Amino acid sequence: MTRKNKYYNRSRLSEAKFREIIKYFSLDLSATQIAHTNLNLNTVNKF
């Protein structure tokens, strides 16, 4: 069985979406600003 995300075990979030969240946080954006992209605010707040 292949893992969906090698950085976060048992995640329902794909690795691509996880990397996108990390990229936005590295740009020093807030969770609300990141949620205005195609990501859910609850998902962003979780990470």
N, C-alpha and C. Protein backbone atom coordinates (compact mmCIF):
# COMPACT_ATOMS: atom_id res chain seq x y z
N MET A 1 0.84 -1.17 0.00
CA MET A 1 0.00 0.00 0.00
C MET A 1 0.89 1.25 0.00
N THR A 2 0.64 2.14 -0.91
CA THR A 2 1.41 3.37 -0.98
C THR A 2 0.79 4.40 -0.06
N ARG A 3 1.65 5.18 0.54
CA ARG A 3 1.16 6.23 1.42
C ARG A 3 0.73 7.43 0.60
N LYS A 4 -0.27 8.11 1.10
CA LYS A 4 -0.76 9.28 0.41
C LYS A 4 0.12 10.49 0.69
N ASN A 5 0.71 10.53 1.89
CA ASN A 5 1.53 11.66 2.29
C ASN A 5 2.68 11.14 3.14
N LYS A 6 3.90 11.27 2.68
CA LYS A 6 5.04 10.72 3.41
C LYS A 6 5.48 11.60 4.57
N TYR A 7 4.95 12.82 4.65
CA TYR A 7 5.34 13.73 5.72
C TYR A 7 4.40 13.66 6.92
N TYR A 8 3.19 13.23 6.72
CA TYR A 8 2.19 13.21 7.78
C TYR A 8 1.44 11.88 7.70
N ASN A 9 1.70 10.99 8.64
CA ASN A 9 1.11 9.66 8.62
C ASN A 9 -0.40 9.72 8.85
N ARG A 10 -1.10 8.82 8.21
CA ARG A 10 -2.57 8.68 8.31
C ARG A 10 -3.31 9.96 7.95
N SER A 11 -2.79 10.66 7.00
CA SER A 11 -3.40 11.89 6.56
C SER A 11 -4.33 11.62 5.38
N ARG A 12 -5.41 12.34 5.34
CA ARG A 12 -6.31 12.26 4.19
C ARG A 12 -5.95 13.31 3.15
N LEU A 13 -4.96 14.11 3.49
CA LEU A 13 -4.51 15.17 2.62
C LEU A 13 -3.37 14.66 1.74
N SER A 14 -3.43 14.95 0.47
CA SER A 14 -2.38 14.49 -0.43
C SER A 14 -1.08 15.23 -0.14
N GLU A 15 0.00 14.64 -0.59
CA GLU A 15 1.31 15.26 -0.39
C GLU A 15 1.41 16.59 -1.11
N ALA A 16 0.80 16.69 -2.27
CA ALA A 16 0.84 17.94 -3.03
C ALA A 16 0.14 19.07 -2.27
N LYS A 17 -1.01 18.78 -1.68
CA LYS A 17 -1.73 19.80 -0.90
C LYS A 17 -0.95 20.16 0.35
N PHE A 18 -0.32 19.17 0.99
CA PHE A 18 0.49 19.43 2.17
C PHE A 18 1.67 20.34 1.84
N ARG A 19 2.33 20.07 0.73
CA ARG A 19 3.44 20.92 0.30
C ARG A 19 2.96 22.33 -0.03
N GLU A 20 1.76 22.43 -0.58
CA GLU A 20 1.20 23.75 -0.89
C GLU A 20 0.97 24.55 0.39
N ILE A 21 0.46 23.91 1.43
CA ILE A 21 0.25 24.58 2.71
C ILE A 21 1.59 25.06 3.27
N ILE A 22 2.59 24.20 3.23
CA ILE A 22 3.92 24.57 3.73
C ILE A 22 4.50 25.74 2.94
N LYS A 23 4.29 25.72 1.63
CA LYS A 23 4.79 26.81 0.79
C LYS A 23 4.15 28.14 1.18
N TYR A 24 2.83 28.14 1.41
CA TYR A 24 2.15 29.37 1.78
C TYR A 24 2.58 29.86 3.15
N PHE A 25 2.78 28.94 4.10
CA PHE A 25 3.25 29.36 5.42
C PHE A 25 4.68 29.89 5.36
N SER A 26 5.50 29.36 4.47
CA SER A 26 6.85 29.87 4.34
C SER A 26 6.87 31.27 3.73
N LEU A 27 5.82 31.62 3.00
CA LEU A 27 5.67 32.97 2.46
C LEU A 27 5.08 33.92 3.50
N ASP A 28 4.87 33.40 4.73
CA ASP A 28 4.38 34.17 5.87
C ASP A 28 2.95 34.67 5.65
N LEU A 29 2.11 33.83 5.06
CA LEU A 29 0.70 34.14 4.91
C LEU A 29 -0.07 33.59 6.10
N SER A 30 -1.14 34.24 6.46
CA SER A 30 -1.96 33.75 7.57
C SER A 30 -2.86 32.61 7.07
N ALA A 31 -3.45 31.90 8.02
CA ALA A 31 -4.32 30.78 7.67
C ALA A 31 -5.53 31.27 6.88
N THR A 32 -6.04 32.44 7.22
CA THR A 32 -7.19 32.98 6.49
C THR A 32 -6.83 33.31 5.05
N GLN A 33 -5.64 33.86 4.84
CA GLN A 33 -5.20 34.17 3.49
C GLN A 33 -4.99 32.90 2.69
N ILE A 34 -4.47 31.86 3.32
CA ILE A 34 -4.26 30.59 2.64
C ILE A 34 -5.60 29.96 2.28
N ALA A 35 -6.59 30.13 3.15
CA ALA A 35 -7.91 29.54 2.90
C ALA A 35 -8.60 30.19 1.71
N HIS A 36 -8.18 31.37 1.31
CA HIS A 36 -8.76 32.01 0.13
C HIS A 36 -8.27 31.36 -1.16
N THR A 37 -7.28 30.48 -1.05
CA THR A 37 -6.89 29.67 -2.21
C THR A 37 -7.86 28.50 -2.27
N ASN A 38 -7.47 27.40 -2.82
CA ASN A 38 -8.39 26.27 -2.96
C ASN A 38 -8.34 25.32 -1.77
N LEU A 39 -7.86 25.80 -0.61
CA LEU A 39 -7.78 24.97 0.59
C LEU A 39 -8.81 25.41 1.61
N ASN A 40 -9.30 24.46 2.39
CA ASN A 40 -10.30 24.73 3.40
C ASN A 40 -9.63 25.33 4.65
N LEU A 41 -10.30 26.28 5.29
CA LEU A 41 -9.75 26.93 6.48
C LEU A 41 -9.53 25.93 7.61
N ASN A 42 -10.43 25.01 7.81
CA ASN A 42 -10.27 24.01 8.87
C ASN A 42 -9.05 23.13 8.62
N THR A 43 -8.80 22.79 7.40
CA THR A 43 -7.63 21.99 7.05
C THR A 43 -6.36 22.77 7.32
N VAL A 44 -6.34 24.02 6.95
CA VAL A 44 -5.16 24.86 7.16
C VAL A 44 -4.92 25.06 8.66
N ASN A 45 -5.98 25.28 9.42
CA ASN A 45 -5.83 25.46 10.86
C ASN A 45 -5.33 24.19 11.53
N LYS A 46 -5.68 23.05 11.02
CA LYS A 46 -5.24 21.77 11.58
C LYS A 46 -3.73 21.62 11.49
N PHE A 47 -3.15 22.10 10.41
CA PHE A 47 -1.72 21.97 10.21
C PHE A 47 -0.99 23.17 10.71
